[in-house]
């Protein structure tokens, strides 16, 4: 099984059926799906297996399940959440995702050169998440001029939601 190209919806179904996940979830009943994460190359192709995050509200931590090439998952220890102190981690409802990873990539492949015509893109990552009440494919690439280039695609209609370039080095 190539977990890099497997779509998040199928991975989500596989995770819910996995014995490791079932055991963990039986002890973490309040935890909910928060995101999918995968590193990508400059062509927006996945590089490693997908990681599936579950948020635990009581501890304000995320537990990540990494899809393994040979099948199944490994669990990583719960870690701190990357959010502002007043921020929240919204639940990701996979039933609401109607734009596939391939659909989002097709849009992002057009948008990156159009929005950032002077930038040469390198590797980065993509996150499927529900944030600020929007369901998003959040693509982030690092440019050769040391900028984070961000393109957010609506995961319900495949439309560009927002974009930005962030300088990594202050001049």
N, C-alpha and C. Protein backbone atom coordinates (compact mmCIF):
# COMPACT_ATOMS: atom_id res chain seq x y z
N UNK A 1 0.84 -1.17 0.00
CA UNK A 1 0.00 0.00 0.00
C UNK A 1 0.89 1.24 0.00
N UNK A 2 0.66 2.16 -0.91
CA UNK A 2 1.40 3.41 -0.94
C UNK A 2 0.59 4.46 -0.20
N UNK A 3 0.96 4.75 1.03
CA UNK A 3 0.18 5.68 1.85
C UNK A 3 0.34 7.12 1.40
N UNK A 4 1.36 7.43 0.62
CA UNK A 4 1.55 8.80 0.16
C UNK A 4 0.44 9.22 -0.80
N UNK A 5 0.00 8.30 -1.63
CA UNK A 5 -0.99 8.66 -2.63
C UNK A 5 -2.41 8.26 -2.23
N UNK A 6 -2.53 7.51 -1.15
CA UNK A 6 -3.85 7.10 -0.70
C UNK A 6 -4.61 8.34 -0.23
N UNK A 7 -5.86 8.46 -0.63
CA UNK A 7 -6.63 9.65 -0.31
C UNK A 7 -7.00 9.67 1.17
N UNK A 8 -7.08 10.86 1.76
CA UNK A 8 -7.41 10.94 3.18
C UNK A 8 -8.70 10.22 3.58
N UNK A 9 -9.74 10.27 2.77
CA UNK A 9 -10.99 9.61 3.17
C UNK A 9 -10.78 8.11 3.37
N UNK A 10 -10.04 7.47 2.47
CA UNK A 10 -9.77 6.04 2.62
C UNK A 10 -8.90 5.77 3.84
N UNK A 11 -7.89 6.61 4.04
CA UNK A 11 -7.03 6.46 5.22
C UNK A 11 -7.84 6.62 6.51
N UNK A 12 -8.77 7.56 6.50
CA UNK A 12 -9.62 7.78 7.67
C UNK A 12 -10.44 6.53 7.98
N UNK A 13 -11.00 5.91 6.94
CA UNK A 13 -11.77 4.67 7.14
C UNK A 13 -10.85 3.56 7.66
N UNK A 14 -9.66 3.47 7.09
CA UNK A 14 -8.70 2.46 7.53
C UNK A 14 -8.31 2.68 9.00
N UNK A 15 -8.09 3.94 9.37
CA UNK A 15 -7.71 4.24 10.75
C UNK A 15 -8.81 3.83 11.72
N UNK A 16 -10.05 4.17 11.40
CA UNK A 16 -11.16 3.84 12.30
C UNK A 16 -11.31 2.34 12.50
N UNK A 17 -10.86 1.55 11.53
CA UNK A 17 -10.95 0.09 11.61
C UNK A 17 -9.71 -0.54 12.27
N UNK A 18 -8.66 0.25 12.48
CA UNK A 18 -7.39 -0.26 12.99
C UNK A 18 -7.48 -0.56 14.49
N UNK A 19 -6.95 -1.70 14.93
CA UNK A 19 -7.04 -2.10 16.34
C UNK A 19 -6.27 -1.15 17.26
N UNK A 20 -5.13 -0.65 16.82
CA UNK A 20 -4.36 0.30 17.63
C UNK A 20 -5.19 1.56 17.90
N UNK A 21 -5.83 2.07 16.84
CA UNK A 21 -6.66 3.26 17.00
C UNK A 21 -7.86 2.98 17.90
N UNK A 22 -8.51 1.85 17.70
CA UNK A 22 -9.69 1.52 18.50
C UNK A 22 -9.34 1.47 19.99
N UNK A 23 -8.20 0.86 20.30
CA UNK A 23 -7.76 0.79 21.70
C UNK A 23 -7.49 2.18 22.24
N UNK A 24 -6.75 2.99 21.49
CA UNK A 24 -6.45 4.36 21.92
C UNK A 24 -7.73 5.15 22.11
N UNK A 25 -8.64 5.06 21.14
CA UNK A 25 -9.87 5.86 21.19
C UNK A 25 -10.78 5.43 22.34
N UNK A 26 -10.71 4.17 22.74
CA UNK A 26 -11.53 3.71 23.87
C UNK A 26 -11.10 4.39 25.17
N UNK A 27 -9.83 4.86 25.23
CA UNK A 27 -9.32 5.57 26.40
C UNK A 27 -9.34 7.09 26.21
N UNK A 28 -9.70 7.53 25.01
CA UNK A 28 -9.72 8.97 24.67
C UNK A 28 -11.00 9.30 23.92
N UNK A 29 -12.13 9.00 24.55
CA UNK A 29 -13.43 9.11 23.89
C UNK A 29 -13.79 10.53 23.46
N UNK A 30 -13.24 11.54 24.13
CA UNK A 30 -13.55 12.93 23.79
C UNK A 30 -12.69 13.47 22.64
N UNK A 31 -11.67 12.72 22.27
CA UNK A 31 -10.78 13.18 21.19
C UNK A 31 -11.53 13.15 19.86
N UNK A 32 -11.20 14.12 19.00
CA UNK A 32 -11.85 14.18 17.69
C UNK A 32 -10.84 14.49 16.58
N UNK A 33 -11.20 14.07 15.37
CA UNK A 33 -10.36 14.30 14.20
C UNK A 33 -10.15 15.79 14.00
N UNK A 34 -8.88 16.20 13.85
CA UNK A 34 -8.58 17.62 13.68
C UNK A 34 -7.90 17.94 12.36
N UNK A 35 -7.11 17.02 11.81
CA UNK A 35 -6.40 17.36 10.57
C UNK A 35 -5.76 16.14 9.91
N UNK A 36 -5.41 16.34 8.65
CA UNK A 36 -4.53 15.44 7.91
C UNK A 36 -3.33 16.28 7.50
N UNK A 37 -2.14 15.70 7.55
CA UNK A 37 -0.90 16.41 7.22
C UNK A 37 -0.04 15.50 6.36
N UNK A 38 0.62 16.09 5.35
CA UNK A 38 1.58 15.33 4.55
C UNK A 38 2.60 16.28 3.95
N UNK A 39 3.87 15.87 3.95
CA UNK A 39 4.88 16.68 3.28
C UNK A 39 4.73 16.48 1.77
N UNK A 40 5.04 17.53 1.02
CA UNK A 40 4.89 17.51 -0.43
C UNK A 40 6.13 18.09 -1.09
N UNK A 41 6.33 17.73 -2.35
CA UNK A 41 7.45 18.32 -3.09
C UNK A 41 6.95 19.55 -3.85
N UNK A 42 7.82 20.16 -4.60
CA UNK A 42 7.46 21.40 -5.30
C UNK A 42 6.40 21.19 -6.38
N UNK A 43 6.17 19.94 -6.77
CA UNK A 43 5.13 19.63 -7.75
C UNK A 43 3.81 19.25 -7.07
N UNK A 44 3.77 19.41 -5.75
CA UNK A 44 2.61 19.11 -4.91
C UNK A 44 2.31 17.62 -4.86
N UNK A 45 3.33 16.82 -5.04
CA UNK A 45 3.19 15.36 -4.89
C UNK A 45 3.57 15.00 -3.46
N UNK A 46 2.82 14.08 -2.86
CA UNK A 46 3.11 13.67 -1.50
C UNK A 46 4.47 12.99 -1.43
N UNK A 47 5.17 13.24 -0.32
CA UNK A 47 6.52 12.68 -0.14
C UNK A 47 6.55 11.55 0.87
N UNK A 48 5.76 11.65 1.90
CA UNK A 48 5.73 10.66 2.97
C UNK A 48 4.28 10.26 3.20
N UNK A 49 4.09 9.30 4.08
CA UNK A 49 2.73 8.91 4.42
C UNK A 49 1.99 10.04 5.13
N UNK A 50 0.68 9.99 5.03
CA UNK A 50 -0.17 10.97 5.69
C UNK A 50 -0.13 10.77 7.21
N UNK A 51 -0.29 11.86 7.92
CA UNK A 51 -0.43 11.86 9.37
C UNK A 51 -1.83 12.36 9.69
N UNK A 52 -2.48 11.67 10.62
CA UNK A 52 -3.86 12.00 10.98
C UNK A 52 -3.86 12.45 12.44
N UNK A 53 -4.32 13.68 12.68
CA UNK A 53 -4.30 14.24 14.02
C UNK A 53 -5.64 14.18 14.71
N UNK A 54 -5.60 13.81 15.99
CA UNK A 54 -6.78 13.81 16.86
C UNK A 54 -6.52 14.74 18.03
N UNK A 55 -7.43 15.67 18.22
CA UNK A 55 -7.31 16.65 19.30
C UNK A 55 -7.99 16.12 20.56
N UNK A 56 -7.28 16.28 21.68
CA UNK A 56 -7.79 15.86 22.98
C UNK A 56 -8.09 17.12 23.80
N UNK A 57 -9.37 17.52 23.89
CA UNK A 57 -9.72 18.79 24.55
C UNK A 57 -9.28 18.89 26.02
N UNK A 58 -9.38 17.81 26.78
CA UNK A 58 -9.04 17.88 28.20
C UNK A 58 -7.57 18.23 28.42
N UNK A 59 -6.70 17.66 27.60
CA UNK A 59 -5.26 17.92 27.77
C UNK A 59 -4.75 19.01 26.83
N UNK A 60 -5.59 19.46 25.90
CA UNK A 60 -5.21 20.46 24.89
C UNK A 60 -3.97 19.99 24.12
N UNK A 61 -4.00 18.71 23.71
CA UNK A 61 -2.89 18.11 22.98
C UNK A 61 -3.43 17.37 21.75
N UNK A 62 -2.51 17.09 20.83
CA UNK A 62 -2.83 16.36 19.60
C UNK A 62 -2.08 15.03 19.62
N UNK A 63 -2.80 13.97 19.30
CA UNK A 63 -2.17 12.66 19.08
C UNK A 63 -2.20 12.41 17.58
N UNK A 64 -1.06 11.99 17.05
CA UNK A 64 -0.94 11.78 15.61
C UNK A 64 -0.77 10.30 15.31
N UNK A 65 -1.51 9.86 14.29
CA UNK A 65 -1.39 8.50 13.77
C UNK A 65 -0.75 8.60 12.40
N UNK A 66 0.38 7.94 12.23
CA UNK A 66 1.13 7.98 10.96
C UNK A 66 0.81 6.72 10.17
N UNK A 67 0.36 6.91 8.93
CA UNK A 67 0.10 5.77 8.05
C UNK A 67 1.42 5.15 7.64
N UNK A 68 1.51 3.83 7.75
CA UNK A 68 2.75 3.11 7.42
C UNK A 68 2.68 2.53 6.01
N UNK A 69 3.82 2.49 5.33
CA UNK A 69 3.90 1.95 3.97
C UNK A 69 3.41 0.50 3.90
N UNK A 70 3.72 -0.28 4.94
CA UNK A 70 3.36 -1.70 4.94
C UNK A 70 1.91 -1.93 5.36
N UNK A 71 1.20 -0.84 5.65
CA UNK A 71 -0.17 -0.93 6.13
C UNK A 71 -0.22 -0.70 7.62
N UNK A 72 -1.35 -0.32 8.11
CA UNK A 72 -1.51 -0.03 9.52
C UNK A 72 -1.00 1.36 9.87
N UNK A 73 -0.91 1.60 11.15
CA UNK A 73 -0.56 2.93 11.64
C UNK A 73 0.36 2.82 12.84
N UNK A 74 1.13 3.88 13.07
CA UNK A 74 1.86 4.00 14.32
C UNK A 74 1.30 5.22 15.03
N UNK A 75 1.34 5.16 16.35
CA UNK A 75 0.84 6.27 17.15
C UNK A 75 2.02 7.03 17.71
N UNK A 76 1.92 8.36 17.66
CA UNK A 76 2.96 9.21 18.23
C UNK A 76 2.45 9.77 19.56
N UNK A 77 3.34 10.03 20.48
CA UNK A 77 2.91 10.59 21.77
C UNK A 77 2.17 11.92 21.57
N UNK A 78 1.21 12.18 22.43
CA UNK A 78 0.46 13.43 22.37
C UNK A 78 1.42 14.60 22.46
N UNK A 79 1.17 15.62 21.66
CA UNK A 79 2.06 16.78 21.60
C UNK A 79 1.26 18.07 21.75
N UNK A 80 1.98 19.14 22.03
CA UNK A 80 1.33 20.45 22.16
C UNK A 80 0.69 20.86 20.83
N UNK A 81 -0.34 21.68 20.95
CA UNK A 81 -1.08 22.16 19.79
C UNK A 81 -0.48 23.48 19.33
N UNK A 82 -0.33 23.64 18.02
CA UNK A 82 0.12 24.91 17.45
C UNK A 82 -1.09 25.80 17.22
N UNK A 83 -1.35 26.69 18.17
CA UNK A 83 -2.46 27.63 18.05
C UNK A 83 -2.20 28.80 18.99
N UNK A 84 -2.93 29.88 18.77
CA UNK A 84 -2.83 31.02 19.68
C UNK A 84 -3.49 30.64 21.00
N UNK A 85 -3.12 31.30 22.10
CA UNK A 85 -3.71 30.95 23.40
C UNK A 85 -5.25 30.99 23.40
N UNK A 86 -5.84 31.93 22.68
CA UNK A 86 -7.29 32.02 22.64
C UNK A 86 -7.89 31.24 21.46
N UNK A 87 -7.03 30.64 20.66
CA UNK A 87 -7.48 29.87 19.50
C UNK A 87 -8.12 28.55 19.90
N UNK A 88 -8.80 27.96 18.93
CA UNK A 88 -9.43 26.66 19.18
C UNK A 88 -9.06 25.70 18.06
N UNK A 89 -9.22 24.42 18.34
CA UNK A 89 -8.98 23.39 17.34
C UNK A 89 -10.35 22.87 16.93
N UNK A 90 -10.70 23.14 15.68
CA UNK A 90 -12.02 22.74 15.19
C UNK A 90 -12.00 21.30 14.71
N UNK A 91 -13.13 20.63 14.88
CA UNK A 91 -13.27 19.25 14.42
C UNK A 91 -13.32 19.21 12.90
N UNK A 92 -12.70 18.20 12.33
CA UNK A 92 -12.72 17.98 10.89
C UNK A 92 -13.74 16.87 10.61
N UNK A 93 -14.80 17.23 9.90
CA UNK A 93 -15.84 16.25 9.54
C UNK A 93 -15.59 15.83 8.10
N UNK A 94 -15.10 14.61 7.92
CA UNK A 94 -14.75 14.13 6.58
C UNK A 94 -15.96 14.03 5.65
N UNK A 95 -17.17 13.95 6.21
CA UNK A 95 -18.37 13.91 5.38
C UNK A 95 -18.60 15.24 4.66
N UNK A 96 -18.00 16.31 5.17
CA UNK A 96 -18.15 17.64 4.56
C UNK A 96 -17.12 17.90 3.46
N UNK A 97 -16.09 17.06 3.38
CA UNK A 97 -15.04 17.25 2.39
C UNK A 97 -15.52 16.70 1.05
N UNK A 98 -15.74 17.60 0.10
CA UNK A 98 -16.19 17.15 -1.22
C UNK A 98 -15.15 17.40 -2.30
N UNK A 99 -14.09 18.12 -1.98
CA UNK A 99 -12.99 18.37 -2.90
C UNK A 99 -11.85 17.42 -2.53
N UNK A 100 -11.48 16.55 -3.45
CA UNK A 100 -10.43 15.57 -3.17
C UNK A 100 -9.06 16.24 -3.14
N UNK A 101 -8.08 15.51 -2.63
CA UNK A 101 -6.71 16.00 -2.65
C UNK A 101 -6.27 16.29 -4.08
N UNK A 102 -6.59 15.39 -5.02
CA UNK A 102 -6.22 15.60 -6.42
C UNK A 102 -6.87 16.85 -6.99
N UNK A 103 -8.15 17.09 -6.65
CA UNK A 103 -8.84 18.31 -7.11
C UNK A 103 -8.14 19.55 -6.57
N UNK A 104 -7.84 19.53 -5.27
CA UNK A 104 -7.18 20.68 -4.65
C UNK A 104 -5.80 20.91 -5.24
N UNK A 105 -5.06 19.83 -5.50
CA UNK A 105 -3.73 19.96 -6.12
C UNK A 105 -3.83 20.59 -7.50
N UNK A 106 -4.81 20.19 -8.26
CA UNK A 106 -4.98 20.75 -9.61
C UNK A 106 -5.17 22.26 -9.54
N UNK A 107 -5.96 22.73 -8.60
CA UNK A 107 -6.19 24.17 -8.44
C UNK A 107 -4.91 24.84 -7.94
N UNK A 108 -4.27 24.25 -6.94
CA UNK A 108 -3.05 24.85 -6.37
C UNK A 108 -1.92 24.91 -7.40
N UNK A 109 -1.83 23.91 -8.27
CA UNK A 109 -0.78 23.92 -9.30
C UNK A 109 -0.93 25.10 -10.25
N UNK A 110 -2.15 25.54 -10.47
CA UNK A 110 -2.41 26.72 -11.30
C UNK A 110 -2.17 27.99 -10.48
N UNK A 111 -2.60 27.98 -9.22
CA UNK A 111 -2.55 29.19 -8.40
C UNK A 111 -1.14 29.61 -7.97
N UNK A 112 -0.28 28.65 -7.61
CA UNK A 112 1.06 29.04 -7.12
C UNK A 112 1.80 29.90 -8.14
N UNK A 113 1.95 29.48 -9.42
CA UNK A 113 2.68 30.34 -10.36
C UNK A 113 1.93 31.63 -10.70
N UNK A 114 0.60 31.59 -10.66
CA UNK A 114 -0.17 32.80 -10.96
C UNK A 114 -0.06 33.82 -9.83
N UNK A 115 -0.10 33.36 -8.60
CA UNK A 115 -0.08 34.26 -7.45
C UNK A 115 1.33 34.69 -7.06
N UNK A 116 2.31 33.83 -7.33
CA UNK A 116 3.70 34.10 -6.94
C UNK A 116 4.61 33.91 -8.16
N UNK A 117 4.43 34.73 -9.21
CA UNK A 117 5.14 34.49 -10.47
C UNK A 117 6.66 34.62 -10.40
N UNK A 118 7.18 35.35 -9.44
CA UNK A 118 8.63 35.55 -9.36
C UNK A 118 9.31 34.55 -8.43
N UNK A 119 8.53 33.67 -7.81
CA UNK A 119 9.08 32.74 -6.83
C UNK A 119 9.33 31.36 -7.43
N UNK A 120 10.43 30.76 -7.04
CA UNK A 120 10.73 29.37 -7.39
C UNK A 120 10.40 28.53 -6.16
N UNK A 121 9.42 27.66 -6.31
CA UNK A 121 8.92 26.89 -5.17
C UNK A 121 9.78 25.67 -4.88
N UNK A 122 9.94 25.41 -3.60
CA UNK A 122 10.60 24.19 -3.13
C UNK A 122 9.59 23.29 -2.45
N UNK A 123 10.06 22.43 -1.58
CA UNK A 123 9.18 21.48 -0.89
C UNK A 123 8.36 22.20 0.18
N UNK A 124 7.39 21.46 0.71
CA UNK A 124 6.54 22.03 1.75
C UNK A 124 5.63 20.97 2.35
N UNK A 125 4.42 21.38 2.65
CA UNK A 125 3.46 20.46 3.26
C UNK A 125 2.04 20.91 2.94
N UNK A 126 1.11 19.99 3.13
CA UNK A 126 -0.31 20.28 2.97
C UNK A 126 -1.04 19.79 4.21
N UNK A 127 -2.04 20.55 4.63
CA UNK A 127 -2.89 20.19 5.76
C UNK A 127 -4.34 20.29 5.32
N UNK A 128 -5.11 19.26 5.60
CA UNK A 128 -6.56 19.33 5.46
C UNK A 128 -7.09 19.64 6.85
N UNK A 129 -7.80 20.77 7.00
CA UNK A 129 -8.23 21.19 8.32
C UNK A 129 -9.50 22.04 8.24
N UNK A 130 -10.15 22.15 9.36
CA UNK A 130 -11.30 23.04 9.51
C UNK A 130 -10.83 24.16 10.41
N UNK A 131 -10.70 25.36 9.86
CA UNK A 131 -10.18 26.48 10.63
C UNK A 131 -10.94 27.75 10.29
N UNK A 132 -11.21 28.55 11.30
CA UNK A 132 -11.98 29.77 11.12
C UNK A 132 -13.29 29.50 10.37
N UNK A 133 -13.88 28.38 10.69
CA UNK A 133 -15.16 27.94 10.13
C UNK A 133 -15.10 27.68 8.63
N UNK A 134 -13.89 27.41 8.13
CA UNK A 134 -13.71 27.04 6.73
C UNK A 134 -13.02 25.68 6.66
N UNK A 135 -13.46 24.86 5.74
CA UNK A 135 -12.84 23.56 5.49
C UNK A 135 -11.83 23.77 4.37
N UNK A 136 -10.53 23.55 4.67
CA UNK A 136 -9.47 23.96 3.75
C UNK A 136 -8.43 22.88 3.48
N UNK A 137 -7.95 22.88 2.24
CA UNK A 137 -6.68 22.24 1.88
C UNK A 137 -5.68 23.38 1.96
N UNK A 138 -4.76 23.32 2.91
CA UNK A 138 -3.83 24.40 3.19
C UNK A 138 -2.44 24.00 2.70
N UNK A 139 -2.04 24.52 1.52
CA UNK A 139 -0.76 24.19 0.89
C UNK A 139 0.29 25.23 1.28
N UNK A 140 1.46 24.77 1.70
CA UNK A 140 2.56 25.66 2.09
C UNK A 140 3.85 25.17 1.45
N UNK A 141 4.49 26.05 0.68
CA UNK A 141 5.77 25.73 0.05
C UNK A 141 6.80 26.78 0.47
N UNK A 142 8.05 26.38 0.54
CA UNK A 142 9.12 27.32 0.84
C UNK A 142 9.79 27.69 -0.48
N UNK A 143 9.92 28.99 -0.71
CA UNK A 143 10.53 29.46 -1.96
C UNK A 143 12.04 29.55 -1.81
N UNK A 144 12.73 29.65 -2.94
CA UNK A 144 14.18 29.80 -2.90
C UNK A 144 14.59 31.14 -2.29
N UNK A 145 13.67 32.12 -2.30
CA UNK A 145 13.97 33.42 -1.68
C UNK A 145 13.58 33.43 -0.20
N UNK A 146 13.37 32.24 0.37
CA UNK A 146 13.07 32.04 1.78
C UNK A 146 11.77 32.73 2.22
N UNK A 147 10.71 32.38 1.50
CA UNK A 147 9.36 32.81 1.87
C UNK A 147 8.49 31.57 2.00
N UNK A 148 7.55 31.63 2.95
CA UNK A 148 6.49 30.63 2.99
C UNK A 148 5.43 31.11 2.02
N UNK A 149 5.13 30.30 1.02
CA UNK A 149 4.07 30.61 0.07
C UNK A 149 2.88 29.74 0.44
N UNK A 150 1.76 30.38 0.71
CA UNK A 150 0.58 29.68 1.21
C UNK A 150 -0.60 29.88 0.27
N UNK A 151 -1.23 28.77 -0.11
CA UNK A 151 -2.44 28.79 -0.92
C UNK A 151 -3.46 27.90 -0.22
N UNK A 152 -4.61 28.48 0.08
CA UNK A 152 -5.69 27.72 0.74
C UNK A 152 -6.81 27.51 -0.26
N UNK A 153 -7.19 26.23 -0.42
CA UNK A 153 -8.25 25.83 -1.34
C UNK A 153 -9.43 25.33 -0.52
N UNK A 154 -10.61 25.85 -0.80
CA UNK A 154 -11.82 25.42 -0.11
C UNK A 154 -12.04 23.94 -0.39
N UNK A 155 -12.17 23.13 0.66
CA UNK A 155 -12.30 21.67 0.51
C UNK A 155 -13.74 21.24 0.21
N UNK A 156 -14.62 22.21 0.00
CA UNK A 156 -15.99 21.87 -0.36
C UNK A 156 -16.30 22.22 -1.81
N UNK A 157 -15.60 23.22 -2.36
CA UNK A 157 -15.90 23.62 -3.74
C UNK A 157 -14.66 23.80 -4.62
N UNK A 158 -13.48 23.50 -4.11
CA UNK A 158 -12.21 23.59 -4.85
C UNK A 158 -11.87 25.00 -5.33
N UNK A 159 -12.41 26.01 -4.68
CA UNK A 159 -12.12 27.39 -5.05
C UNK A 159 -10.99 27.93 -4.17
N UNK A 160 -10.22 28.89 -4.72
CA UNK A 160 -9.19 29.55 -3.95
C UNK A 160 -9.85 30.31 -2.80
N UNK A 161 -9.41 30.04 -1.57
CA UNK A 161 -9.97 30.71 -0.39
C UNK A 161 -9.10 31.91 0.02
N UNK A 162 -7.77 31.72 -0.03
CA UNK A 162 -6.85 32.81 0.31
C UNK A 162 -5.44 32.41 -0.09
N UNK A 163 -4.56 33.39 -0.02
CA UNK A 163 -3.14 33.14 -0.28
C UNK A 163 -2.31 34.20 0.43
N UNK A 164 -1.06 33.86 0.69
CA UNK A 164 -0.14 34.83 1.27
C UNK A 164 1.28 34.36 1.12
N UNK A 165 2.20 35.32 1.17
CA UNK A 165 3.64 35.03 1.19
C UNK A 165 4.19 35.63 2.48
N UNK A 166 4.94 34.83 3.22
CA UNK A 166 5.49 35.27 4.49
C UNK A 166 7.02 35.19 4.42
N UNK A 167 7.67 36.31 4.68
CA UNK A 167 9.13 36.35 4.69
C UNK A 167 9.65 35.54 5.86
N UNK A 168 10.56 34.60 5.62
CA UNK A 168 11.15 33.83 6.71
C UNK A 168 12.33 34.54 7.33
N UNK A 169 12.97 35.42 6.55
CA UNK A 169 14.11 36.17 7.03
C UNK A 169 13.76 37.66 6.91
N UNK A 170 13.81 38.34 8.05
CA UNK A 170 13.52 39.77 8.04
C UNK A 170 14.73 40.53 7.50
N UNK A 171 14.46 41.41 6.56
CA UNK A 171 15.55 42.16 5.93
C UNK A 171 15.79 43.47 6.62
